[in-house]
Amino acid sequence: MRLLLGLSLFLLSIVLPAKALSDDYSSEWKAVDEHLENQRPKSALEIVQKIYDKAIANHNEQQIIKSASYRIGLTARQEENSEIILVSELKQEISHTTSPLSRSLFE
């Protein structure tokens, strides 16, 4: 699980440029960070899901990748036998993505 979380964070640091945290999403990501600092991963996951839904609606590939990576990492922290859930979520991401970059990251 730590490997998966580490891989997710590594991908974030490589793929997402600093401008990915645009004004539209910065307040939400700040709230996610605060929840994580205060050991509230469930609350952070709820906000990440909202960011993901918003990014899907706006076709914002950078935020889709970032929020999907966070969702996977946070789910891995919370769920027992999370490998099954994570594989299912990755398959879902692959089926929804249109960007070649996103597709290669999730495959």
PDB file of N, CA and C in Angstrom:
ATOM      1  N   MET A   1       0.819  -1.183   0.000  1.00  0.00           N
ATOM      2  CA  MET A   1       0.000   0.000   0.000  1.00  0.00           C
ATOM      3  C   MET A   1       0.865   1.250   0.000  1.00  0.00           C
ATOM      4  N   ARG A   2       1.912   1.223   0.762  1.00  0.00           N
ATOM      5  CA  ARG A   2       2.799   2.379   0.773  1.00  0.00           C
ATOM      6  C   ARG A   2       3.423   2.594  -0.597  1.00  0.00           C
ATOM      7  N   LEU A   3       3.697   1.489  -1.277  1.00  0.00           N
ATOM      8  CA  LEU A   3       4.266   1.580  -2.612  1.00  0.00           C
ATOM      9  C   LEU A   3       3.294   2.274  -3.554  1.00  0.00           C
ATOM     10  N   LEU A   4       2.023   1.921  -3.464  1.00  0.00           N
ATOM     11  CA  LEU A   4       1.016   2.524  -4.315  1.00  0.00           C
ATOM     12  C   LEU A   4       0.852   4.007  -4.012  1.00  0.00           C
ATOM     13  N   LEU A   5       0.816   4.356  -2.744  1.00  0.00           N
ATOM     14  CA  LEU A   5       0.717   5.752  -2.359  1.00  0.00           C
ATOM     15  C   LEU A   5       1.951   6.519  -2.816  1.00  0.00           C
ATOM     16  N   GLY A   6       3.121   5.929  -2.623  1.00  0.00           N
ATOM     17  CA  GLY A   6       4.360   6.566  -3.057  1.00  0.00           C
ATOM     18  C   GLY A   6       4.390   6.752  -4.563  1.00  0.00           C
ATOM     19  N   LEU A   7       3.928   5.752  -5.290  1.00  0.00           N
ATOM     20  CA  LEU A   7       3.879   5.847  -6.743  1.00  0.00           C
ATOM     21  C   LEU A   7       2.921   6.948  -7.178  1.00  0.00           C
ATOM     22  N   SER A   8       1.779   7.031  -6.522  1.00  0.00           N
ATOM     23  CA  SER A   8       0.809   8.069  -6.855  1.00  0.00           C
ATOM     24  C   SER A   8       1.398   9.456  -6.639  1.00  0.00           C
ATOM     25  N   LEU A   9       2.035   9.656  -5.509  1.00  0.00           N
ATOM     26  CA  LEU A   9       2.628  10.957  -5.224  1.00  0.00           C
ATOM     27  C   LEU A   9       3.788  11.265  -6.167  1.00  0.00           C
ATOM     28  N   PHE A  10       4.561  10.244  -6.529  1.00  0.00           N
ATOM     29  CA  PHE A  10       5.647  10.433  -7.483  1.00  0.00           C
ATOM     30  C   PHE A  10       5.102  10.885  -8.832  1.00  0.00           C
ATOM     31  N   LEU A  11       4.039  10.237  -9.294  1.00  0.00           N
ATOM     32  CA  LEU A  11       3.433  10.619 -10.563  1.00  0.00           C
ATOM     33  C   LEU A  11       2.923  12.058 -10.523  1.00  0.00           C
ATOM     34  N   LEU A  12       2.369  12.434  -9.400  1.00  0.00           N
ATOM     35  CA  LEU A  12       1.889  13.806  -9.265  1.00  0.00           C
ATOM     36  C   LEU A  12       3.017  14.810  -9.407  1.00  0.00           C
ATOM     37  N   SER A  13       4.137  14.524  -8.778  1.00  0.00           N
ATOM     38  CA  SER A  13       5.245  15.472  -8.811  1.00  0.00           C
ATOM     39  C   SER A  13       5.867  15.582 -10.191  1.00  0.00           C
ATOM     40  N   ILE A  14       5.752  14.547 -11.001  1.00  0.00           N
ATOM     41  CA  ILE A  14       6.323  14.584 -12.343  1.00  0.00           C
ATOM     42  C   ILE A  14       5.347  15.166 -13.356  1.00  0.00           C
ATOM     43  N   VAL A  15       4.112  14.737 -13.281  1.00  0.00           N
ATOM     44  CA  VAL A  15       3.155  15.035 -14.335  1.00  0.00           C
ATOM     45  C   VAL A  15       2.533  16.417 -14.217  1.00  0.00           C
ATOM     46  N   LEU A  16       2.255  16.826 -13.030  1.00  0.00           N
ATOM     47  CA  LEU A  16       1.503  18.061 -12.864  1.00  0.00           C
ATOM     48  C   LEU A  16       2.410  19.266 -12.681  1.00  0.00           C
ATOM     49  N   PRO A  17       2.334  20.201 -13.590  1.00  0.00           N
ATOM     50  CA  PRO A  17       3.098  21.432 -13.396  1.00  0.00           C
ATOM     51  C   PRO A  17       2.459  22.280 -12.307  1.00  0.00           C
ATOM     52  N   ALA A  18       3.184  23.262 -11.871  1.00  0.00           N
ATOM     53  CA  ALA A  18       2.697  24.104 -10.775  1.00  0.00           C
ATOM     54  C   ALA A  18       1.401  24.806 -11.130  1.00  0.00           C
ATOM     55  N   LYS A  19       1.192  25.101 -12.396  1.00  0.00           N
ATOM     56  CA  LYS A  19      -0.028  25.807 -12.773  1.00  0.00           C
ATOM     57  C   LYS A  19      -1.278  24.949 -12.667  1.00  0.00           C
ATOM     58  N   ALA A  20      -1.117  23.663 -12.427  1.00  0.00           N
ATOM     59  CA  ALA A  20      -2.278  22.784 -12.305  1.00  0.00           C
ATOM     60  C   ALA A  20      -3.155  23.176 -11.126  1.00  0.00           C
ATOM     61  N   LEU A  21      -2.557  23.811 -10.138  1.00  0.00           N
ATOM     62  CA  LEU A  21      -3.347  24.278  -9.002  1.00  0.00           C
ATOM     63  C   LEU A  21      -3.891  25.665  -9.314  1.00  0.00           C
ATOM     64  N   SER A  22      -4.781  25.729 -10.255  1.00  0.00           N
ATOM     65  CA  SER A  22      -5.354  27.006 -10.649  1.00  0.00           C
ATOM     66  C   SER A  22      -6.272  27.513  -9.545  1.00  0.00           C
ATOM     67  N   ASP A  23      -6.703  28.756  -9.705  1.00  0.00           N
ATOM     68  CA  ASP A  23      -7.568  29.363  -8.701  1.00  0.00           C
ATOM     69  C   ASP A  23      -8.869  28.580  -8.523  1.00  0.00           C
ATOM     70  N   ASP A  24      -9.308  27.890  -9.576  1.00  0.00           N
ATOM     71  CA  ASP A  24     -10.553  27.136  -9.493  1.00  0.00           C
ATOM     72  C   ASP A  24     -10.472  25.972  -8.515  1.00  0.00           C
ATOM     73  N   TYR A  25      -9.292  25.476  -8.263  1.00  0.00           N
ATOM     74  CA  TYR A  25      -9.133  24.280  -7.445  1.00  0.00           C
ATOM     75  C   TYR A  25      -8.279  24.494  -6.186  1.00  0.00           C
ATOM     76  N   SER A  26      -7.615  25.603  -6.090  1.00  0.00           N
ATOM     77  CA  SER A  26      -6.653  25.781  -4.996  1.00  0.00           C
ATOM     78  C   SER A  26      -7.303  25.749  -3.619  1.00  0.00           C
ATOM     79  N   SER A  27      -8.478  26.325  -3.482  1.00  0.00           N
ATOM     80  CA  SER A  27      -9.123  26.322  -2.161  1.00  0.00           C
ATOM     81  C   SER A  27      -9.535  24.902  -1.758  1.00  0.00           C
ATOM     82  N   GLU A  28      -9.979  24.118  -2.756  1.00  0.00           N
ATOM     83  CA  GLU A  28     -10.348  22.740  -2.457  1.00  0.00           C
ATOM     84  C   GLU A  28      -9.128  21.913  -2.056  1.00  0.00           C
ATOM     85  N   TRP A  29      -8.020  22.087  -2.781  1.00  0.00           N
ATOM     86  CA  TRP A  29      -6.808  21.328  -2.445  1.00  0.00           C
ATOM     87  C   TRP A  29      -6.248  21.761  -1.098  1.00  0.00           C
ATOM     88  N   LYS A  30      -6.426  23.030  -0.769  1.00  0.00           N
ATOM     89  CA  LYS A  30      -5.980  23.499   0.549  1.00  0.00           C
ATOM     90  C   LYS A  30      -6.792  22.796   1.644  1.00  0.00           C
ATOM     91  N   ALA A  31      -8.084  22.654   1.422  1.00  0.00           N
ATOM     92  CA  ALA A  31      -8.935  21.957   2.398  1.00  0.00           C
ATOM     93  C   ALA A  31      -8.526  20.489   2.512  1.00  0.00           C
ATOM     94  N   VAL A  32      -8.188  19.856   1.388  1.00  0.00           N
ATOM     95  CA  VAL A  32      -7.724  18.464   1.416  1.00  0.00           C
ATOM     96  C   VAL A  32      -6.460  18.367   2.266  1.00  0.00           C
ATOM     97  N   ASP A  33      -5.514  19.273   2.027  1.00  0.00           N
ATOM     98  CA  ASP A  33      -4.266  19.267   2.797  1.00  0.00           C
ATOM     99  C   ASP A  33      -4.518  19.445   4.290  1.00  0.00           C
ATOM    100  N   GLU A  34      -5.438  20.342   4.639  1.00  0.00           N
ATOM    101  CA  GLU A  34      -5.757  20.562   6.051  1.00  0.00           C
ATOM    102  C   GLU A  34      -6.349  19.308   6.689  1.00  0.00           C
ATOM    103  N   HIS A  35      -7.240  18.642   5.977  1.00  0.00           N
ATOM    104  CA  HIS A  35      -7.825  17.408   6.512  1.00  0.00           C
ATOM    105  C   HIS A  35      -6.752  16.332   6.690  1.00  0.00           C
ATOM    106  N   LEU A  36      -5.849  16.234   5.745  1.00  0.00           N
ATOM    107  CA  LEU A  36      -4.786  15.238   5.860  1.00  0.00           C
ATOM    108  C   LEU A  36      -3.846  15.553   7.017  1.00  0.00           C
ATOM    109  N   GLU A  37      -3.533  16.839   7.214  1.00  0.00           N
ATOM    110  CA  GLU A  37      -2.674  17.240   8.331  1.00  0.00           C
ATOM    111  C   GLU A  37      -3.327  16.918   9.671  1.00  0.00           C
ATOM    112  N   ASN A  38      -4.650  17.005   9.712  1.00  0.00           N
ATOM    113  CA  ASN A  38      -5.395  16.748  10.945  1.00  0.00           C
ATOM    114  C   ASN A  38      -5.868  15.301  11.050  1.00  0.00           C
ATOM    115  N   GLN A  39      -5.287  14.423  10.240  1.00  0.00           N
ATOM    116  CA  GLN A  39      -5.587  12.985  10.293  1.00  0.00           C
ATOM    117  C   GLN A  39      -7.059  12.684  10.037  1.00  0.00           C
ATOM    118  N   ARG A  40      -7.634  13.354   9.029  1.00  0.00           N
ATOM    119  CA  ARG A  40      -9.029  13.105   8.644  1.00  0.00           C
ATOM    120  C   ARG A  40      -9.089  12.690   7.173  1.00  0.00           C
ATOM    121  N   PRO A  41      -8.582  11.498   6.863  1.00  0.00           N
ATOM    122  CA  PRO A  41      -8.540  11.078   5.456  1.00  0.00           C
ATOM    123  C   PRO A  41      -9.918  10.887   4.821  1.00  0.00           C
ATOM    124  N   LYS A  42     -10.911  10.531   5.618  1.00  0.00           N
ATOM    125  CA  LYS A  42     -12.254  10.343   5.070  1.00  0.00           C
ATOM    126  C   LYS A  42     -12.827  11.677   4.575  1.00  0.00           C
ATOM    127  N   SER A  43     -12.625  12.721   5.356  1.00  0.00           N
ATOM    128  CA  SER A  43     -13.076  14.052   4.947  1.00  0.00           C
ATOM    129  C   SER A  43     -12.301  14.533   3.725  1.00  0.00           C
ATOM    130  N   ALA A  44     -11.004  14.248   3.711  1.00  0.00           N
ATOM    131  CA  ALA A  44     -10.186  14.619   2.560  1.00  0.00           C
ATOM    132  C   ALA A  44     -10.676  13.898   1.310  1.00  0.00           C
ATOM    133  N   LEU A  45     -11.017  12.631   1.450  1.00  0.00           N
ATOM    134  CA  LEU A  45     -11.493  11.848   0.317  1.00  0.00           C
ATOM    135  C   LEU A  45     -12.802  12.405  -0.240  1.00  0.00           C
ATOM    136  N   GLU A  46     -13.668  12.875   0.623  1.00  0.00           N
ATOM    137  CA  GLU A  46     -14.927  13.469   0.168  1.00  0.00           C
ATOM    138  C   GLU A  46     -14.665  14.699  -0.691  1.00  0.00           C
ATOM    139  N   ILE A  47     -13.729  15.533  -0.270  1.00  0.00           N
ATOM    140  CA  ILE A  47     -13.404  16.733  -1.039  1.00  0.00           C
ATOM    141  C   ILE A  47     -12.713  16.356  -2.346  1.00  0.00           C
ATOM    142  N   VAL A  48     -11.825  15.386  -2.288  1.00  0.00           N
ATOM    143  CA  VAL A  48     -11.142  14.927  -3.504  1.00  0.00           C
ATOM    144  C   VAL A  48     -12.168  14.418  -4.511  1.00  0.00           C
ATOM    145  N   GLN A  49     -13.191  13.722  -4.039  1.00  0.00           N
ATOM    146  CA  GLN A  49     -14.235  13.237  -4.949  1.00  0.00           C
ATOM    147  C   GLN A  49     -14.957  14.397  -5.611  1.00  0.00           C
ATOM    148  N   LYS A  50     -15.213  15.468  -4.864  1.00  0.00           N
ATOM    149  CA  LYS A  50     -15.859  16.657  -5.436  1.00  0.00           C
ATOM    150  C   LYS A  50     -14.950  17.315  -6.479  1.00  0.00           C
ATOM    151  N   ILE A  51     -13.662  17.385  -6.175  1.00  0.00           N
ATOM    152  CA  ILE A  51     -12.701  17.939  -7.139  1.00  0.00           C
ATOM    153  C   ILE A  51     -12.697  17.091  -8.408  1.00  0.00           C
ATOM    154  N   TYR A  52     -12.688  15.782  -8.224  1.00  0.00           N
ATOM    155  CA  TYR A  52     -12.686  14.871  -9.366  1.00  0.00           C
ATOM    156  C   TYR A  52     -13.927  15.089 -10.232  1.00  0.00           C
ATOM    157  N   ASP A  53     -15.091  15.156  -9.616  1.00  0.00           N
ATOM    158  CA  ASP A  53     -16.333  15.360 -10.356  1.00  0.00           C
ATOM    159  C   ASP A  53     -16.306  16.689 -11.115  1.00  0.00           C
ATOM    160  N   LYS A  54     -15.809  17.725 -10.470  1.00  0.00           N
ATOM    161  CA  LYS A  54     -15.701  19.041 -11.098  1.00  0.00           C
ATOM    162  C   LYS A  54     -14.712  19.005 -12.269  1.00  0.00           C
ATOM    163  N   ALA A  55     -13.594  18.324 -12.089  1.00  0.00           N
ATOM    164  CA  ALA A  55     -12.592  18.220 -13.147  1.00  0.00           C
ATOM    165  C   ALA A  55     -13.139  17.443 -14.341  1.00  0.00           C
ATOM    166  N   ILE A  56     -13.908  16.390 -14.081  1.00  0.00           N
ATOM    167  CA  ILE A  56     -14.540  15.632 -15.162  1.00  0.00           C
ATOM    168  C   ILE A  56     -15.498  16.541 -15.933  1.00  0.00           C
ATOM    169  N   ALA A  57     -16.309  17.283 -15.217  1.00  0.00           N
ATOM    170  CA  ALA A  57     -17.288  18.171 -15.858  1.00  0.00           C
ATOM    171  C   ALA A  57     -16.599  19.250 -16.696  1.00  0.00           C
ATOM    172  N   ASN A  58     -15.437  19.725 -16.232  1.00  0.00           N
ATOM    173  CA  ASN A  58     -14.703  20.791 -16.929  1.00  0.00           C
ATOM    174  C   ASN A  58     -13.645  20.260 -17.893  1.00  0.00           C
ATOM    175  N   HIS A  59     -13.535  18.952 -18.010  1.00  0.00           N
ATOM    176  CA  HIS A  59     -12.532  18.314 -18.875  1.00  0.00           C
ATOM    177  C   HIS A  59     -11.121  18.800 -18.550  1.00  0.00           C
ATOM    178  N   ASN A  60     -10.832  18.930 -17.266  1.00  0.00           N
ATOM    179  CA  ASN A  60      -9.516  19.387 -16.811  1.00  0.00           C
ATOM    180  C   ASN A  60      -8.662  18.151 -16.514  1.00  0.00           C
ATOM    181  N   GLU A  61      -7.874  17.732 -17.508  1.00  0.00           N
ATOM    182  CA  GLU A  61      -7.085  16.503 -17.412  1.00  0.00           C
ATOM    183  C   GLU A  61      -6.105  16.523 -16.239  1.00  0.00           C
ATOM    184  N   GLN A  62      -5.474  17.661 -16.006  1.00  0.00           N
ATOM    185  CA  GLN A  62      -4.501  17.730 -14.910  1.00  0.00           C
ATOM    186  C   GLN A  62      -5.162  17.467 -13.563  1.00  0.00           C
ATOM    187  N   GLN A  63      -6.303  18.058 -13.350  1.00  0.00           N
ATOM    188  CA  GLN A  63      -6.999  17.859 -12.080  1.00  0.00           C
ATOM    189  C   GLN A  63      -7.612  16.462 -11.995  1.00  0.00           C
ATOM    190  N   ILE A  64      -8.006  15.910 -13.137  1.00  0.00           N
ATOM    191  CA  ILE A  64      -8.523  14.531 -13.142  1.00  0.00           C
ATOM    192  C   ILE A  64      -7.428  13.577 -12.682  1.00  0.00           C
ATOM    193  N   ILE A  65      -6.228  13.741 -13.239  1.00  0.00           N
ATOM    194  CA  ILE A  65      -5.109  12.879 -12.861  1.00  0.00           C
ATOM    195  C   ILE A  65      -4.770  13.042 -11.390  1.00  0.00           C
ATOM    196  N   LYS A  66      -4.675  14.285 -10.950  1.00  0.00           N
ATOM    197  CA  LYS A  66      -4.301  14.534  -9.557  1.00  0.00           C
ATOM    198  C   LYS A  66      -5.354  13.988  -8.600  1.00  0.00           C
ATOM    199  N   SER A  67      -6.616  14.290  -8.863  1.00  0.00           N
ATOM    200  CA  SER A  67      -7.666  13.841  -7.939  1.00  0.00           C
ATOM    201  C   SER A  67      -7.825  12.321  -7.978  1.00  0.00           C
ATOM    202  N   ALA A  68      -7.671  11.712  -9.142  1.00  0.00           N
ATOM    203  CA  ALA A  68      -7.746  10.250  -9.219  1.00  0.00           C
ATOM    204  C   ALA A  68      -6.603   9.614  -8.436  1.00  0.00           C
ATOM    205  N   SER A  69      -5.421  10.196  -8.533  1.00  0.00           N
ATOM    206  CA  SER A  69      -4.273   9.675  -7.783  1.00  0.00           C
ATOM    207  C   SER A  69      -4.510   9.785  -6.276  1.00  0.00           C
ATOM    208  N   TYR A  70      -5.039  10.912  -5.848  1.00  0.00           N
ATOM    209  CA  TYR A  70      -5.348  11.088  -4.428  1.00  0.00           C
ATOM    210  C   TYR A  70      -6.431  10.103  -3.990  1.00  0.00           C
ATOM    211  N   ARG A  71      -7.456   9.932  -4.824  1.00  0.00           N
ATOM    212  CA  ARG A  71      -8.526   8.987  -4.476  1.00  0.00           C
ATOM    213  C   ARG A  71      -7.963   7.593  -4.257  1.00  0.00           C
ATOM    214  N   ILE A  72      -7.090   7.181  -5.140  1.00  0.00           N
ATOM    215  CA  ILE A  72      -6.495   5.853  -5.030  1.00  0.00           C
ATOM    216  C   ILE A  72      -5.674   5.747  -3.747  1.00  0.00           C
ATOM    217  N   GLY A  73      -4.845   6.746  -3.478  1.00  0.00           N
ATOM    218  CA  GLY A  73      -4.013   6.727  -2.278  1.00  0.00           C
ATOM    219  C   GLY A  73      -4.824   6.760  -0.999  1.00  0.00           C
ATOM    220  N   LEU A  74      -5.850   7.590  -0.957  1.00  0.00           N
ATOM    221  CA  LEU A  74      -6.672   7.698   0.245  1.00  0.00           C
ATOM    222  C   LEU A  74      -7.519   6.444   0.452  1.00  0.00           C
ATOM    223  N   THR A  75      -7.991   5.864  -0.622  1.00  0.00           N
ATOM    224  CA  THR A  75      -8.754   4.621  -0.501  1.00  0.00           C
ATOM    225  C   THR A  75      -7.859   3.510   0.033  1.00  0.00           C
ATOM    226  N   ALA A  76      -6.611   3.484  -0.439  1.00  0.00           N
ATOM    227  CA  ALA A  76      -5.664   2.464   0.023  1.00  0.00           C
ATOM    228  C   ALA A  76      -5.403   2.585   1.518  1.00  0.00           C
ATOM    229  N   ARG A  77      -5.428   3.791   2.041  1.00  0.00           N
ATOM    230  CA  ARG A  77      -5.209   3.998   3.476  1.00  0.00           C
ATOM    231  C   ARG A  77      -6.373   3.499   4.323  1.00  0.00           C
ATOM    232  N   GLN A  78      -7.590   3.612   3.776  1.00  0.00           N
ATOM    233  CA  GLN A  78      -8.780   3.382   4.585  1.00  0.00           C
ATOM    234  C   GLN A  78      -9.361   1.981   4.492  1.00  0.00           C
ATOM    235  N   GLU A  79      -9.302   1.407   3.332  1.00  0.00           N
ATOM    236  CA  GLU A  79     -10.021   0.160   3.094  1.00  0.00           C
ATOM    237  C   GLU A  79      -9.143  -1.065   3.316  1.00  0.00           C
ATOM    238  N   GLU A  80      -9.730  -2.049   3.949  1.00  0.00           N
ATOM    239  CA  GLU A  80      -9.077  -3.338   4.060  1.00  0.00           C
ATOM    240  C   GLU A  80      -9.276  -4.050   2.722  1.00  0.00           C
ATOM    241  N   ASN A  81      -8.300  -4.793   2.275  1.00  0.00           N
ATOM    242  CA  ASN A  81      -8.348  -5.430   0.948  1.00  0.00           C
ATOM    243  C   ASN A  81      -8.576  -4.396  -0.151  1.00  0.00           C
ATOM    244  N   SER A  82      -7.925  -3.272  -0.022  1.00  0.00           N
ATOM    245  CA  SER A  82      -8.139  -2.164  -0.949  1.00  0.00           C
ATOM    246  C   SER A  82      -7.623  -2.458  -2.350  1.00  0.00           C
ATOM    247  N   GLU A  83      -6.811  -3.495  -2.513  1.00  0.00           N
ATOM    248  CA  GLU A  83      -6.267  -3.803  -3.828  1.00  0.00           C
ATOM    249  C   GLU A  83      -7.379  -4.059  -4.842  1.00  0.00           C
ATOM    250  N   ILE A  84      -8.417  -4.749  -4.424  1.00  0.00           N
ATOM    251  CA  ILE A  84      -9.533  -5.046  -5.319  1.00  0.00           C
ATOM    252  C   ILE A  84     -10.243  -3.760  -5.720  1.00  0.00           C
ATOM    253  N   ILE A  85     -10.475  -2.895  -4.754  1.00  0.00           N
ATOM    254  CA  ILE A  85     -11.134  -1.618  -5.023  1.00  0.00           C
ATOM    255  C   ILE A  85     -10.262  -0.762  -5.935  1.00  0.00           C
ATOM    256  N   LEU A  86      -8.966  -0.734  -5.674  1.00  0.00           N
ATOM    257  CA  LEU A  86      -8.062   0.094  -6.459  1.00  0.00           C
ATOM    258  C   LEU A  86      -7.968  -0.371  -7.902  1.00  0.00           C
ATOM    259  N   VAL A  87      -7.915  -1.662  -8.116  1.00  0.00           N
ATOM    260  CA  VAL A  87      -7.878  -2.192  -9.487  1.00  0.00           C
ATOM    261  C   VAL A  87      -9.158  -1.805 -10.218  1.00  0.00           C
ATOM    262  N   SER A  88     -10.273  -1.902  -9.538  1.00  0.00           N
ATOM    263  CA  SER A  88     -11.558  -1.524 -10.138  1.00  0.00           C
ATOM    264  C   SER A  88     -11.575  -0.037 -10.501  1.00  0.00           C
ATOM    265  N   GLU A  89     -11.073   0.807  -9.605  1.00  0.00           N
ATOM    266  CA  GLU A  89     -11.037   2.243  -9.876  1.00  0.00           C
ATOM    267  C   GLU A  89     -10.091   2.572 -11.027  1.00  0.00           C
ATOM    268  N   LEU A  90      -8.958   1.890 -11.100  1.00  0.00           N
ATOM    269  CA  LEU A  90      -8.036   2.130 -12.206  1.00  0.00           C
ATOM    270  C   LEU A  90      -8.670   1.740 -13.535  1.00  0.00           C
ATOM    271  N   LYS A  91      -9.373   0.633 -13.568  1.00  0.00           N
ATOM    272  CA  LYS A  91     -10.066   0.225 -14.792  1.00  0.00           C
ATOM    273  C   LYS A  91     -11.107   1.266 -15.186  1.00  0.00           C
ATOM    274  N   GLN A  92     -11.796   1.814 -14.197  1.00  0.00           N
ATOM    275  CA  GLN A  92     -12.793   2.836 -14.454  1.00  0.00           C
ATOM    276  C   GLN A  92     -12.124   4.085 -15.039  1.00  0.00           C
ATOM    277  N   GLU A  93     -10.996   4.488 -14.479  1.00  0.00           N
ATOM    278  CA  GLU A  93     -10.280   5.657 -14.977  1.00  0.00           C
ATOM    279  C   GLU A  93      -9.841   5.457 -16.420  1.00  0.00           C
ATOM    280  N   ILE A  94      -9.334   4.293 -16.722  1.00  0.00           N
ATOM    281  CA  ILE A  94      -8.866   4.005 -18.077  1.00  0.00           C
ATOM    282  C   ILE A  94     -10.029   4.104 -19.066  1.00  0.00           C
ATOM    283  N   SER A  95     -11.187   3.605 -18.673  1.00  0.00           N
ATOM    284  CA  SER A  95     -12.329   3.638 -19.585  1.00  0.00           C
ATOM    285  C   SER A  95     -12.866   5.051 -19.794  1.00  0.00           C
ATOM    286  N   HIS A  96     -12.666   5.953 -18.840  1.00  0.00           N
ATOM    287  CA  HIS A  96     -13.205   7.309 -18.941  1.00  0.00           C
ATOM    288  C   HIS A  96     -12.242   8.306 -19.576  1.00  0.00           C
ATOM    289  N   THR A  97     -10.980   8.013 -19.561  1.00  0.00           N
ATOM    290  CA  THR A  97     -10.009   9.004 -20.005  1.00  0.00           C
ATOM    291  C   THR A  97      -9.909   9.065 -21.526  1.00  0.00           C
ATOM    292  N   THR A  98      -9.656  10.253 -22.022  1.00  0.00           N
ATOM    293  CA  THR A  98      -9.491  10.445 -23.461  1.00  0.00           C
ATOM    294  C   THR A  98      -8.073  10.880 -23.808  1.00  0.00           C
ATOM    295  N   SER A  99      -7.389  11.429 -22.859  1.00  0.00           N
ATOM    296  CA  SER A  99      -6.030  11.918 -23.084  1.00  0.00           C
ATOM    297  C   SER A  99      -5.044  10.753 -23.149  1.00  0.00           C
ATOM    298  N   PRO A 100      -4.159  10.758 -24.151  1.00  0.00           N
ATOM    299  CA  PRO A 100      -3.139   9.705 -24.215  1.00  0.00           C
ATOM    300  C   PRO A 100      -2.238   9.682 -22.976  1.00  0.00           C
ATOM    301  N   LEU A 101      -1.922  10.854 -22.428  1.00  0.00           N
ATOM    302  CA  LEU A 101      -1.101  10.925 -21.226  1.00  0.00           C
ATOM    303  C   LEU A 101      -1.819  10.275 -20.051  1.00  0.00           C
ATOM    304  N   SER A 102      -3.055  10.633 -19.851  1.00  0.00           N
ATOM    305  CA  SER A 102      -3.829  10.045 -18.751  1.00  0.00           C
ATOM    306  C   SER A 102      -3.968   8.537 -18.920  1.00  0.00           C
ATOM    307  N   ARG A 103      -4.259   8.119 -20.134  1.00  0.00           N
ATOM    308  CA  ARG A 103      -4.423   6.696 -20.389  1.00  0.00           C
ATOM    309  C   ARG A 103      -3.146   5.939 -20.072  1.00  0.00           C
ATOM    310  N   SER A 104      -1.997   6.476 -20.481  1.00  0.00           N
ATOM    311  CA  SER A 104      -0.727   5.770 -20.217  1.00  0.00           C
ATOM    312  C   SER A 104      -0.408   5.748 -18.727  1.00  0.00           C
ATOM    313  N   LEU A 105      -0.775   6.778 -17.997  1.00  0.00           N
ATOM    314  CA  LEU A 105      -0.536   6.804 -16.551  1.00  0.00           C
ATOM    315  C   LEU A 105      -1.379   5.763 -15.823  1.00  0.00           C
ATOM    316  N   PHE A 106      -2.625   5.635 -16.227  1.00  0.00           N
ATOM    317  CA  PHE A 106      -3.523   4.730 -15.537  1.00  0.00           C
ATOM    318  C   PHE A 106      -3.370   3.282 -15.969  1.00  0.00           C
ATOM    319  N   GLU A 107      -2.796   3.049 -17.132  1.00  0.00           N
ATOM    320  CA  GLU A 107      -2.578   1.670 -17.560  1.00  0.00           C
ATOM    321  C   GLU A 107      -1.346   1.158 -16.889  1.00  0.00           C
TER     322      GLU A 107
END
